[in-house]
Each structure stands twice: as structure tokens, then as C-alpha cells.
Amino acid sequence: LQASLLAMQRAIAALSITPDEVWVDGNHCPDITLPVWAIV
């Protein structure tokens, strides 16, 4: 689980544009500074 969240953090950091919101599949959110929601 923690490794999955770490990979998500890295994928978001790799974006060339900073999003306004982050929507994540499932019920856990990576630890990021952007507004983030988990969507099962």
C-alpha cells in the first residue's frame, strides 16, 4: 500500500502541468500538497 502511494506521488510529480485537484482510484490518498480525493 505505501509503495503504491509512493508511486502515485512520483507520477503526480512527473506531470508537466500542476493540476488543481487530484482524484485517486480507491480509498487511500497519497501524501501531496494538492487537494486530493479518493474515489472507490
Full PDB file with SEQRES, HELIX, SHEET, SSBOND, CRYST1, ORIGX, SCALE, CONECT and MASTER records, all heavy atoms in Angstrom:
SEQRES   1 A   40  LEU GLN ALA SER LEU LEU ALA MET GLN ARG ALA ILE ALA          
SEQRES   2 A   40  ALA LEU SER ILE THR PRO ASP GLU VAL TRP VAL ASP GLY          
SEQRES   3 A   40  ASN HIS CYS PRO ASP ILE THR LEU PRO VAL TRP ALA ILE          
SEQRES   4 A   40  VAL                                                          
HELIX    1 AA1 GLN A    2  ALA A   13  1                                  12    
SHEET    1 AA1 2 VAL A  22  ASP A  25  0                                        
SHEET    2 AA1 2 VAL A  36  ILE A  39  1                                        
CRYST1    1.000    1.000    1.000  90.00  90.00  90.00 P 1           1          
ORIGX1      1.000000  0.000000  0.000000        0.00000                         
ORIGX2      0.000000  1.000000  0.000000        0.00000                         
ORIGX3      0.000000  0.000000  1.000000        0.00000                         
SCALE1      1.000000  0.000000  0.000000        0.00000                         
SCALE2      0.000000  1.000000  0.000000        0.00000                         
SCALE3      0.000000  0.000000  1.000000        0.00000                         
ATOM      1  N   LEU A   1       0.831  -1.208   0.000  1.00  0.00           N  
ATOM      2  CA  LEU A   1       0.000   0.000   0.000  1.00  0.00           C  
ATOM      3  C   LEU A   1       0.861   1.252   0.000  1.00  0.00           C  
ATOM      4  O   LEU A   1       0.666   2.157  -0.820  1.00  0.00           O  
ATOM      5  CB  LEU A   1      -0.950   0.008   1.200  1.00  0.00           C  
ATOM      6  CG  LEU A   1      -1.721   1.325   1.402  1.00  0.00           C  
ATOM      7  CD1 LEU A   1      -2.580   1.647   0.185  1.00  0.00           C  
ATOM      8  CD2 LEU A   1      -2.560   1.266   2.671  1.00  0.00           C  
ATOM      9  N   GLN A   2       1.833   1.324   0.908  1.00  0.00           N  
ATOM     10  CA  GLN A   2       2.682   2.515   0.987  1.00  0.00           C  
ATOM     11  C   GLN A   2       3.513   2.685  -0.289  1.00  0.00           C  
ATOM     12  O   GLN A   2       3.736   3.816  -0.741  1.00  0.00           O  
ATOM     13  CB  GLN A   2       3.590   2.440   2.226  1.00  0.00           C  
ATOM     14  CG  GLN A   2       2.833   2.489   3.540  1.00  0.00           C  
ATOM     15  CD  GLN A   2       1.901   3.691   3.635  1.00  0.00           C  
ATOM     16  OE1 GLN A   2       2.261   4.806   3.267  1.00  0.00           O  
ATOM     17  NE2 GLN A   2       0.695   3.454   4.132  1.00  0.00           N  
ATOM     18  N   ALA A   3       3.953   1.578  -0.866  1.00  0.00           N  
ATOM     19  CA  ALA A   3       4.711   1.657  -2.118  1.00  0.00           C  
ATOM     20  C   ALA A   3       3.819   2.164  -3.253  1.00  0.00           C  
ATOM     21  O   ALA A   3       4.261   2.958  -4.095  1.00  0.00           O  
ATOM     22  CB  ALA A   3       5.300   0.298  -2.468  1.00  0.00           C  
ATOM     23  N   SER A   4       2.553   1.740  -3.276  1.00  0.00           N  
ATOM     24  CA  SER A   4       1.614   2.218  -4.294  1.00  0.00           C  
ATOM     25  C   SER A   4       1.413   3.722  -4.169  1.00  0.00           C  
ATOM     26  O   SER A   4       1.406   4.453  -5.171  1.00  0.00           O  
ATOM     27  CB  SER A   4       0.260   1.510  -4.161  1.00  0.00           C  
ATOM     28  OG  SER A   4       0.388   0.131  -4.358  1.00  0.00           O  
ATOM     29  N   LEU A   5       1.254   4.202  -2.939  1.00  0.00           N  
ATOM     30  CA  LEU A   5       1.066   5.638  -2.710  1.00  0.00           C  
ATOM     31  C   LEU A   5       2.317   6.421  -3.095  1.00  0.00           C  
ATOM     32  O   LEU A   5       2.232   7.531  -3.630  1.00  0.00           O  
ATOM     33  CB  LEU A   5       0.684   5.889  -1.248  1.00  0.00           C  
ATOM     34  CG  LEU A   5      -0.668   5.296  -0.817  1.00  0.00           C  
ATOM     35  CD1 LEU A   5      -0.862   5.461   0.687  1.00  0.00           C  
ATOM     36  CD2 LEU A   5      -1.818   5.937  -1.579  1.00  0.00           C  
ATOM     37  N   LEU A   6       3.491   5.831  -2.853  1.00  0.00           N  
ATOM     38  CA  LEU A   6       4.752   6.456  -3.249  1.00  0.00           C  
ATOM     39  C   LEU A   6       4.843   6.574  -4.773  1.00  0.00           C  
ATOM     40  O   LEU A   6       5.239   7.619  -5.313  1.00  0.00           O  
ATOM     41  CB  LEU A   6       5.918   5.639  -2.699  1.00  0.00           C  
ATOM     42  CG  LEU A   6       7.330   6.129  -2.973  1.00  0.00           C  
ATOM     43  CD1 LEU A   6       7.552   7.521  -2.392  1.00  0.00           C  
ATOM     44  CD2 LEU A   6       8.351   5.140  -2.389  1.00  0.00           C  
ATOM     45  N   ALA A   7       4.447   5.508  -5.484  1.00  0.00           N  
ATOM     46  CA  ALA A   7       4.445   5.557  -6.949  1.00  0.00           C  
ATOM     47  C   ALA A   7       3.477   6.627  -7.446  1.00  0.00           C  
ATOM     48  O   ALA A   7       3.778   7.347  -8.411  1.00  0.00           O  
ATOM     49  CB  ALA A   7       4.064   4.187  -7.515  1.00  0.00           C  
ATOM     50  N   MET A   8       2.335   6.765  -6.775  1.00  0.00           N  
ATOM     51  CA  MET A   8       1.372   7.814  -7.160  1.00  0.00           C  
ATOM     52  C   MET A   8       1.968   9.201  -6.965  1.00  0.00           C  
ATOM     53  O   MET A   8       1.836  10.075  -7.835  1.00  0.00           O  
ATOM     54  CB  MET A   8       0.089   7.668  -6.330  1.00  0.00           C  
ATOM     55  CG  MET A   8      -0.749   6.471  -6.683  1.00  0.00           C  
ATOM     56  SD  MET A   8      -2.215   6.403  -5.605  1.00  0.00           S  
ATOM     57  CE  MET A   8      -2.987   4.896  -6.204  1.00  0.00           C  
ATOM     58  N   GLN A   9       2.621   9.425  -5.822  1.00  0.00           N  
ATOM     59  CA  GLN A   9       3.293  10.709  -5.582  1.00  0.00           C  
ATOM     60  C   GLN A   9       4.254  11.031  -6.722  1.00  0.00           C  
ATOM     61  O   GLN A   9       4.301  12.158  -7.228  1.00  0.00           O  
ATOM     62  CB  GLN A   9       4.109  10.655  -4.289  1.00  0.00           C  
ATOM     63  CG  GLN A   9       3.333  10.810  -3.012  1.00  0.00           C  
ATOM     64  CD  GLN A   9       4.273  10.738  -1.801  1.00  0.00           C  
ATOM     65  OE1 GLN A   9       5.455  10.416  -1.925  1.00  0.00           O  
ATOM     66  NE2 GLN A   9       3.738  11.027  -0.636  1.00  0.00           N  
ATOM     67  N   ARG A  10       5.038  10.038  -7.115  1.00  0.00           N  
ATOM     68  CA  ARG A  10       6.048  10.243  -8.160  1.00  0.00           C  
ATOM     69  C   ARG A  10       5.393  10.530  -9.514  1.00  0.00           C  
ATOM     70  O   ARG A  10       5.898  11.353 -10.292  1.00  0.00           O  
ATOM     71  CB  ARG A  10       6.947   9.004  -8.245  1.00  0.00           C  
ATOM     72  CG  ARG A  10       7.848   8.850  -7.042  1.00  0.00           C  
ATOM     73  CD  ARG A  10       8.531   7.498  -7.010  1.00  0.00           C  
ATOM     74  NE  ARG A  10       9.484   7.426  -5.912  1.00  0.00           N  
ATOM     75  CZ  ARG A  10      10.013   6.292  -5.452  1.00  0.00           C  
ATOM     76  NH1 ARG A  10       9.683   5.134  -6.011  1.00  0.00           N  
ATOM     77  NH2 ARG A  10      10.872   6.315  -4.446  1.00  0.00           N  
ATOM     78  N   ALA A  11       4.279   9.840  -9.813  1.00  0.00           N  
ATOM     79  CA  ALA A  11       3.588  10.070 -11.083  1.00  0.00           C  
ATOM     80  C   ALA A  11       3.028  11.488 -11.147  1.00  0.00           C  
ATOM     81  O   ALA A  11       3.124  12.167 -12.175  1.00  0.00           O  
ATOM     82  CB  ALA A  11       2.478   9.040 -11.276  1.00  0.00           C  
ATOM     83  N   ILE A  12       2.447  11.951 -10.038  1.00  0.00           N  
ATOM     84  CA  ILE A  12       1.906  13.312  -9.982  1.00  0.00           C  
ATOM     85  C   ILE A  12       3.045  14.328 -10.129  1.00  0.00           C  
ATOM     86  O   ILE A  12       2.932  15.320 -10.851  1.00  0.00           O  
ATOM     87  CB  ILE A  12       1.132  13.530  -8.668  1.00  0.00           C  
ATOM     88  CG1 ILE A  12      -0.092  12.607  -8.616  1.00  0.00           C  
ATOM     89  CG2 ILE A  12       0.704  14.991  -8.511  1.00  0.00           C  
ATOM     90  CD1 ILE A  12      -0.682  12.428  -7.221  1.00  0.00           C  
ATOM     91  N   ALA A  13       4.162  14.064  -9.466  1.00  0.00           N  
ATOM     92  CA  ALA A  13       5.320  14.967  -9.551  1.00  0.00           C  
ATOM     93  C   ALA A  13       5.893  15.019 -10.964  1.00  0.00           C  
ATOM     94  O   ALA A  13       6.526  16.011 -11.344  1.00  0.00           O  
ATOM     95  CB  ALA A  13       6.394  14.519  -8.562  1.00  0.00           C  
ATOM     96  N   ALA A  14       5.677  13.972 -11.758  1.00  0.00           N  
ATOM     97  CA  ALA A  14       6.220  13.913 -13.119  1.00  0.00           C  
ATOM     98  C   ALA A  14       5.386  14.700 -14.129  1.00  0.00           C  
ATOM     99  O   ALA A  14       5.799  14.861 -15.277  1.00  0.00           O  
ATOM    100  CB  ALA A  14       6.331  12.454 -13.565  1.00  0.00           C  
ATOM    101  N   LEU A  15       4.210  15.180 -13.720  1.00  0.00           N  
ATOM    102  CA  LEU A  15       3.354  15.939 -14.636  1.00  0.00           C  
ATOM    103  C   LEU A  15       4.033  17.245 -15.056  1.00  0.00           C  
ATOM    104  O   LEU A  15       4.664  17.916 -14.233  1.00  0.00           O  
ATOM    105  CB  LEU A  15       2.013  16.260 -13.971  1.00  0.00           C  
ATOM    106  CG  LEU A  15       1.073  15.096 -13.689  1.00  0.00           C  
ATOM    107  CD1 LEU A  15      -0.053  15.549 -12.761  1.00  0.00           C  
ATOM    108  CD2 LEU A  15       0.509  14.533 -14.992  1.00  0.00           C  
ATOM    109  N   SER A  16       3.843  17.623 -16.307  1.00  0.00           N  
ATOM    110  CA  SER A  16       4.406  18.886 -16.793  1.00  0.00           C  
ATOM    111  C   SER A  16       3.529  20.082 -16.421  1.00  0.00           C  
ATOM    112  O   SER A  16       3.952  21.236 -16.564  1.00  0.00           O  
ATOM    113  CB  SER A  16       4.578  18.823 -18.314  1.00  0.00           C  
ATOM    114  OG  SER A  16       3.324  18.565 -18.942  1.00  0.00           O  
ATOM    115  N   ILE A  17       2.313  19.825 -15.976  1.00  0.00           N  
ATOM    116  CA  ILE A  17       1.369  20.854 -15.547  1.00  0.00           C  
ATOM    117  C   ILE A  17       0.915  20.515 -14.132  1.00  0.00           C  
ATOM    118  O   ILE A  17       0.674  19.349 -13.823  1.00  0.00           O  
ATOM    119  CB  ILE A  17       0.127  20.880 -16.470  1.00  0.00           C  
ATOM    120  CG1 ILE A  17       0.524  21.242 -17.907  1.00  0.00           C  
ATOM    121  CG2 ILE A  17      -0.935  21.858 -15.950  1.00  0.00           C  
ATOM    122  CD1 ILE A  17      -0.608  21.066 -18.896  1.00  0.00           C  
ATOM    123  N   THR A  18       0.771  21.508 -13.273  1.00  0.00           N  
ATOM    124  CA  THR A  18       0.271  21.258 -11.924  1.00  0.00           C  
ATOM    125  C   THR A  18      -1.254  21.267 -11.940  1.00  0.00           C  
ATOM    126  O   THR A  18      -1.862  22.266 -12.360  1.00  0.00           O  
ATOM    127  CB  THR A  18       0.771  22.331 -10.936  1.00  0.00           C  
ATOM    128  OG1 THR A  18       2.196  22.322 -10.951  1.00  0.00           O  
ATOM    129  CG2 THR A  18       0.271  22.052  -9.530  1.00  0.00           C  
ATOM    130  N   PRO A  19      -1.892  20.183 -11.512  1.00  0.00           N  
ATOM    131  CA  PRO A  19      -3.356  20.149 -11.517  1.00  0.00           C  
ATOM    132  C   PRO A  19      -3.942  20.971 -10.369  1.00  0.00           C  
ATOM    133  O   PRO A  19      -3.242  21.303  -9.409  1.00  0.00           O  
ATOM    134  CB  PRO A  19      -3.665  18.657 -11.342  1.00  0.00           C  
ATOM    135  CG  PRO A  19      -2.489  18.120 -10.589  1.00  0.00           C  
ATOM    136  CD  PRO A  19      -1.306  18.924 -11.039  1.00  0.00           C  
ATOM    137  N   ASP A  20      -5.239  21.279 -10.495  1.00  0.00           N  
ATOM    138  CA  ASP A  20      -5.944  21.962  -9.410  1.00  0.00           C  
ATOM    139  C   ASP A  20      -6.439  20.960  -8.363  1.00  0.00           C  
ATOM    140  O   ASP A  20      -6.510  21.272  -7.176  1.00  0.00           O  
ATOM    141  CB  ASP A  20      -7.140  22.741  -9.968  1.00  0.00           C  
ATOM    142  CG  ASP A  20      -6.701  23.812 -10.951  1.00  0.00           C  
ATOM    143  OD1 ASP A  20      -5.811  24.601 -10.583  1.00  0.00           O  
ATOM    144  OD2 ASP A  20      -7.222  23.841 -12.083  1.00  0.00           O  
ATOM    145  N   GLU A  21      -6.808  19.776  -8.833  1.00  0.00           N  
ATOM    146  CA  GLU A  21      -7.329  18.728  -7.956  1.00  0.00           C  
ATOM    147  C   GLU A  21      -6.778  17.390  -8.419  1.00  0.00           C  
ATOM    148  O   GLU A  21      -6.501  17.208  -9.613  1.00  0.00           O  
ATOM    149  CB  GLU A  21      -8.861  18.659  -8.000  1.00  0.00           C  
ATOM    150  CG  GLU A  21      -9.558  19.921  -7.554  1.00  0.00           C  
ATOM    151  CD  GLU A  21     -11.075  19.804  -7.672  1.00  0.00           C  
ATOM    152  OE1 GLU A  21     -11.575  18.721  -8.068  1.00  0.00           O  
ATOM    153  OE2 GLU A  21     -11.754  20.794  -7.363  1.00  0.00           O  
ATOM    154  N   VAL A  22      -6.670  16.462  -7.492  1.00  0.00           N  
ATOM    155  CA  VAL A  22      -6.221  15.101  -7.807  1.00  0.00           C  
ATOM    156  C   VAL A  22      -7.296  14.126  -7.334  1.00  0.00           C  
ATOM    157  O   VAL A  22      -7.716  14.172  -6.181  1.00  0.00           O  
ATOM    158  CB  VAL A  22      -4.865  14.792  -7.125  1.00  0.00           C  
ATOM    159  CG1 VAL A  22      -4.465  13.334  -7.361  1.00  0.00           C  
ATOM    160  CG2 VAL A  22      -3.782  15.735  -7.632  1.00  0.00           C  
ATOM    161  N   TRP A  23      -7.723  13.262  -8.254  1.00  0.00           N  
ATOM    162  CA  TRP A  23      -8.724  12.235  -7.954  1.00  0.00           C  
ATOM    163  C   TRP A  23      -8.035  10.879  -8.088  1.00  0.00           C  
ATOM    164  O   TRP A  23      -7.497  10.549  -9.135  1.00  0.00           O  
ATOM    165  CB  TRP A  23      -9.902  12.314  -8.908  1.00  0.00           C  
ATOM    166  CG  TRP A  23     -10.680  13.594  -8.824  1.00  0.00           C  
ATOM    167  CD1 TRP A  23     -10.519  14.618  -7.920  1.00  0.00           C  
ATOM    168  CD2 TRP A  23     -11.749  13.990  -9.697  1.00  0.00           C  
ATOM    169  NE1 TRP A  23     -11.418  15.619  -8.169  1.00  0.00           N  
ATOM    170  CE2 TRP A  23     -12.197  15.273  -9.257  1.00  0.00           C  
ATOM    171  CE3 TRP A  23     -12.375  13.403 -10.789  1.00  0.00           C  
ATOM    172  CZ2 TRP A  23     -13.230  15.953  -9.878  1.00  0.00           C  
ATOM    173  CZ3 TRP A  23     -13.408  14.086 -11.418  1.00  0.00           C  
ATOM    174  CH2 TRP A  23     -13.828  15.338 -10.964  1.00  0.00           C  
ATOM    175  N   VAL A  24      -8.080  10.101  -7.016  1.00  0.00           N  
ATOM    176  CA  VAL A  24      -7.351   8.832  -6.947  1.00  0.00           C  
ATOM    177  C   VAL A  24      -8.340   7.679  -6.888  1.00  0.00           C  
ATOM    178  O   VAL A  24      -9.313   7.727  -6.119  1.00  0.00           O  
ATOM    179  CB  VAL A  24      -6.436   8.801  -5.702  1.00  0.00           C  
ATOM    180  CG1 VAL A  24      -5.680   7.483  -5.621  1.00  0.00           C  
ATOM    181  CG2 VAL A  24      -5.461   9.969  -5.724  1.00  0.00           C  
ATOM    182  N   ASP A  25      -8.086   6.646  -7.668  1.00  0.00           N  
ATOM    183  CA  ASP A  25      -8.917   5.451  -7.572  1.00  0.00           C  
ATOM    184  C   ASP A  25      -8.664   4.745  -6.243  1.00  0.00           C  
ATOM    185  O   ASP A  25      -7.518   4.603  -5.812  1.00  0.00           O  
ATOM    186  CB  ASP A  25      -8.593   4.486  -8.718  1.00  0.00           C  
ATOM    187  CG  ASP A  25      -9.466   3.239  -8.672  1.00  0.00           C  
ATOM    188  OD1 ASP A  25     -10.689   3.378  -8.657  1.00  0.00           O  
ATOM    189  OD2 ASP A  25      -8.905   2.131  -8.623  1.00  0.00           O  
ATOM    190  N   GLY A  26      -9.735   4.292  -5.586  1.00  0.00           N  
ATOM    191  CA  GLY A  26      -9.586   3.523  -4.354  1.00  0.00           C  
ATOM    192  C   GLY A  26     -10.006   4.308  -3.139  1.00  0.00           C  
ATOM    193  O   GLY A  26     -10.806   5.245  -3.218  1.00  0.00           O  
ATOM    194  N   ASN A  27      -9.457   3.939  -1.984  1.00  0.00           N  
ATOM    195  CA  ASN A  27      -9.853   4.597  -0.731  1.00  0.00           C  
ATOM    196  C   ASN A  27      -8.668   5.133   0.063  1.00  0.00           C  
ATOM    197  O   ASN A  27      -8.794   5.423   1.243  1.00  0.00           O  
ATOM    198  CB  ASN A  27     -10.707   3.658   0.130  1.00  0.00           C  
ATOM    199  CG  ASN A  27     -10.034   2.318   0.351  1.00  0.00           C  
ATOM    200  OD1 ASN A  27      -8.859   2.152   0.033  1.00  0.00           O  
ATOM    201  ND2 ASN A  27     -10.766   1.363   0.878  1.00  0.00           N  
ATOM    202  N   HIS A  28      -7.512   5.277  -0.587  1.00  0.00           N  
ATOM    203  CA  HIS A  28      -6.340   5.874   0.059  1.00  0.00           C  
ATOM    204  C   HIS A  28      -5.774   6.967  -0.834  1.00  0.00           C  
ATOM    205  O   HIS A  28      -5.751   6.817  -2.054  1.00  0.00           O  
ATOM    206  CB  HIS A  28      -5.251   4.825   0.315  1.00  0.00           C  
ATOM    207  CG  HIS A  28      -5.645   3.791   1.321  1.00  0.00           C  
ATOM    208  ND1 HIS A  28      -6.259   2.611   0.958  1.00  0.00           N  
ATOM    209  CD2 HIS A  28      -5.544   3.775   2.667  1.00  0.00           C  
ATOM    210  CE1 HIS A  28      -6.496   1.899   2.055  1.00  0.00           C  
ATOM    211  NE2 HIS A  28      -6.081   2.582   3.094  1.00  0.00           N  
ATOM    212  N   CYS A  29      -5.314   8.030  -0.229  1.00  0.00           N  
ATOM    213  CA  CYS A  29      -4.733   9.151  -0.971  1.00  0.00           C  
ATOM    214  C   CYS A  29      -3.237   9.255  -0.696  1.00  0.00           C  
ATOM    215  O   CYS A  29      -2.805   9.104   0.448  1.00  0.00           O  
ATOM    216  CB  CYS A  29      -5.383  10.469  -0.552  1.00  0.00           C  
ATOM    217  SG  CYS A  29      -7.113  10.601  -1.010  1.00  0.00           S  
ATOM    218  N   PRO A  30      -2.457   9.571  -1.729  1.00  0.00           N  
ATOM    219  CA  PRO A  30      -1.034   9.847  -1.491  1.00  0.00           C  
ATOM    220  C   PRO A  30      -0.876  11.145  -0.716  1.00  0.00           C  
ATOM    221  O   PRO A  30      -1.756  12.017  -0.741  1.00  0.00           O  
ATOM    222  CB  PRO A  30      -0.456   9.956  -2.903  1.00  0.00           C  
ATOM    223  CG  PRO A  30      -1.616  10.359  -3.760  1.00  0.00           C  
ATOM    224  CD  PRO A  30      -2.829   9.728  -3.142  1.00  0.00           C  
ATOM    225  N   ASP A  31       0.241  11.284  -0.043  1.00  0.00           N  
ATOM    226  CA  ASP A  31       0.533  12.470   0.756  1.00  0.00           C  
ATOM    227  C   ASP A  31       1.110  13.543  -0.165  1.00  0.00           C  
ATOM    228  O   ASP A  31       2.299  13.530  -0.479  1.00  0.00           O  
ATOM    229  CB  ASP A  31       1.518  12.107   1.877  1.00  0.00           C  
ATOM    230  CG  ASP A  31       1.787  13.282   2.800  1.00  0.00           C  
ATOM    231  OD1 ASP A  31       1.046  14.279   2.736  1.00  0.00           O  
ATOM    232  OD2 ASP A  31       2.761  13.209   3.576  1.00  0.00           O  
ATOM    233  N   ILE A  32       0.237  14.443  -0.622  1.00  0.00           N  
ATOM    234  CA  ILE A  32       0.666  15.511  -1.523  1.00  0.00           C  
ATOM    235  C   ILE A  32       0.085  16.832  -1.017  1.00  0.00           C  
ATOM    236  O   ILE A  32      -0.820  16.847  -0.174  1.00  0.00           O  
ATOM    237  CB  ILE A  32       0.216  15.249  -2.978  1.00  0.00           C  
ATOM    238  CG1 ILE A  32      -1.311  15.055  -3.047  1.00  0.00           C  
ATOM    239  CG2 ILE A  32       0.942  14.047  -3.561  1.00  0.00           C  
ATOM    240  CD1 ILE A  32      -1.858  14.917  -4.455  1.00  0.00           C  
ATOM    241  N   THR A  33       0.588  17.946  -1.544  1.00  0.00           N  
ATOM    242  CA  THR A  33       0.139  19.263  -1.077  1.00  0.00           C  
ATOM    243  C   THR A  33      -1.103  19.739  -1.823  1.00  0.00           C  
ATOM    244  O   THR A  33      -1.729  20.721  -1.423  1.00  0.00           O  
ATOM    245  CB  THR A  33       1.254  20.307  -1.265  1.00  0.00           C  
ATOM    246  OG1 THR A  33       1.649  20.311  -2.639  1.00  0.00           O  
ATOM    247  CG2 THR A  33       2.458  19.961  -0.396  1.00  0.00           C  
ATOM    248  N   LEU A  34      -1.482  19.069  -2.901  1.00  0.00           N  
ATOM    249  CA  LEU A  34      -2.651  19.461  -3.690  1.00  0.00           C  
ATOM    250  C   LEU A  34      -3.931  18.908  -3.072  1.00  0.00           C  
ATOM    251  O   LEU A  34      -3.892  17.901  -2.354  1.00  0.00           O  
ATOM    252  CB  LEU A  34      -2.512  18.915  -5.115  1.00  0.00           C  
ATOM    253  CG  LEU A  34      -1.319  19.425  -5.918  1.00  0.00           C  
ATOM    254  CD1 LEU A  34      -1.060  18.517  -7.103  1.00  0.00           C  
ATOM    255  CD2 LEU A  34      -1.572  20.854  -6.377  1.00  0.00           C  
ATOM    256  N   PRO A  35      -5.098  19.515  -3.352  1.00  0.00           N  
ATOM    257  CA  PRO A  35      -6.371  18.924  -2.930  1.00  0.00           C  
ATOM    258  C   PRO A  35      -6.535  17.542  -3.573  1.00  0.00           C  
ATOM    259  O   PRO A  35      -6.378  17.408  -4.798  1.00  0.00           O  
ATOM    260  CB  PRO A  35      -7.418  19.905  -3.453  1.00  0.00           C  
ATOM    261  CG  PRO A  35      -6.685  21.181  -3.703  1.00  0.00           C  
ATOM    262  CD  PRO A  35      -5.282  20.795  -4.061  1.00  0.00           C  
ATOM    263  N   VAL A  36      -6.823  16.536  -2.775  1.00  0.00           N  
ATOM    264  CA  VAL A  36      -6.882  15.165  -3.298  1.00  0.00           C  
ATOM    265  C   VAL A  36      -8.070  14.427  -2.711  1.00  0.00           C  
ATOM    266  O   VAL A  36      -8.390  14.587  -1.525  1.00  0.00           O  
ATOM    267  CB  VAL A  36      -5.539  14.418  -3.008  1.00  0.00           C  
ATOM    268  CG1 VAL A  36      -5.218  14.370  -1.522  1.00  0.00           C  
ATOM    269  CG2 VAL A  36      -5.529  13.022  -3.612  1.00  0.00           C  
ATOM    270  N   TRP A  37      -8.755  13.659  -3.558  1.00  0.00           N  
ATOM    271  CA  TRP A  37      -9.902  12.866  -3.140  1.00  0.00           C  
ATOM    272  C   TRP A  37      -9.718  11.424  -3.606  1.00  0.00           C  
ATOM    273  O   TRP A  37      -9.218  11.180  -4.704  1.00  0.00           O  
ATOM    274  CB  TRP A  37     -11.192  13.409  -3.755  1.00  0.00           C  
ATOM    275  CG  TRP A  37     -11.683  14.653  -3.086  1.00  0.00           C  
ATOM    276  CD1 TRP A  37     -12.531  14.746  -2.015  1.00  0.00           C  
ATOM    277  CD2 TRP A  37     -11.341  15.996  -3.420  1.00  0.00           C  
ATOM    278  NE1 TRP A  37     -12.732  16.065  -1.675  1.00  0.00           N  
ATOM    279  CE2 TRP A  37     -12.009  16.864  -2.523  1.00  0.00           C  
ATOM    280  CE3 TRP A  37     -10.519  16.569  -4.407  1.00  0.00           C  
ATOM    281  CZ2 TRP A  37     -11.902  18.238  -2.571  1.00  0.00           C  
ATOM    282  CZ3 TRP A  37     -10.403  17.945  -4.456  1.00  0.00           C  
ATOM    283  CH2 TRP A  37     -11.085  18.767  -3.553  1.00  0.00           C  
ATOM    284  N   ALA A  38     -10.124  10.501  -2.769  1.00  0.00           N  
ATOM    285  CA  ALA A  38     -10.155   9.082  -3.139  1.00  0.00           C  
ATOM    286  C   ALA A  38     -11.570   8.742  -3.604  1.00  0.00           C  
ATOM    287  O   ALA A  38     -12.545   9.122  -2.964  1.00  0.00           O  
ATOM    288  CB  ALA A  38      -9.766   8.226  -1.940  1.00  0.00           C  
ATOM    289  N   ILE A  39     -11.669   8.035  -4.706  1.00  0.00           N  
ATOM    290  CA  ILE A  39     -12.955   7.661  -5.281  1.00  0.00           C  
ATOM    291  C   ILE A  39     -12.956   6.153  -5.492  1.00  0.00           C  
ATOM    292  O   ILE A  39     -12.233   5.632  -6.354  1.00  0.00           O  
ATOM    293  CB  ILE A  39     -13.207   8.385  -6.619  1.00  0.00           C  
ATOM    294  CG1 ILE A  39     -13.139   9.912  -6.413  1.00  0.00           C  
ATOM    295  CG2 ILE A  39     -14.541   7.967  -7.211  1.00  0.00           C  
ATOM    296  CD1 ILE A  39     -13.246  10.710  -7.698  1.00  0.00           C  
ATOM    297  N   VAL A  40     -13.733   5.447  -4.693  1.00  0.00           N  
ATOM    298  CA  VAL A  40     -13.822   3.989  -4.831  1.00  0.00           C  
ATOM    299  C   VAL A  40     -14.498   3.672  -6.165  1.00  0.00           C  
ATOM    300  O   VAL A  40     -15.554   4.222  -6.490  1.00  0.00           O  
ATOM    301  CB  VAL A  40     -14.606   3.378  -3.658  1.00  0.00           C  
ATOM    302  CG1 VAL A  40     -14.814   1.883  -3.876  1.00  0.00           C  
ATOM    303  CG2 VAL A  40     -13.854   3.627  -2.346  1.00  0.00           C  
TER     304      VAL A  40                                                      
MASTER        0    0    0    1    2    0    0    6  303    1    0    4          
END                                                                             
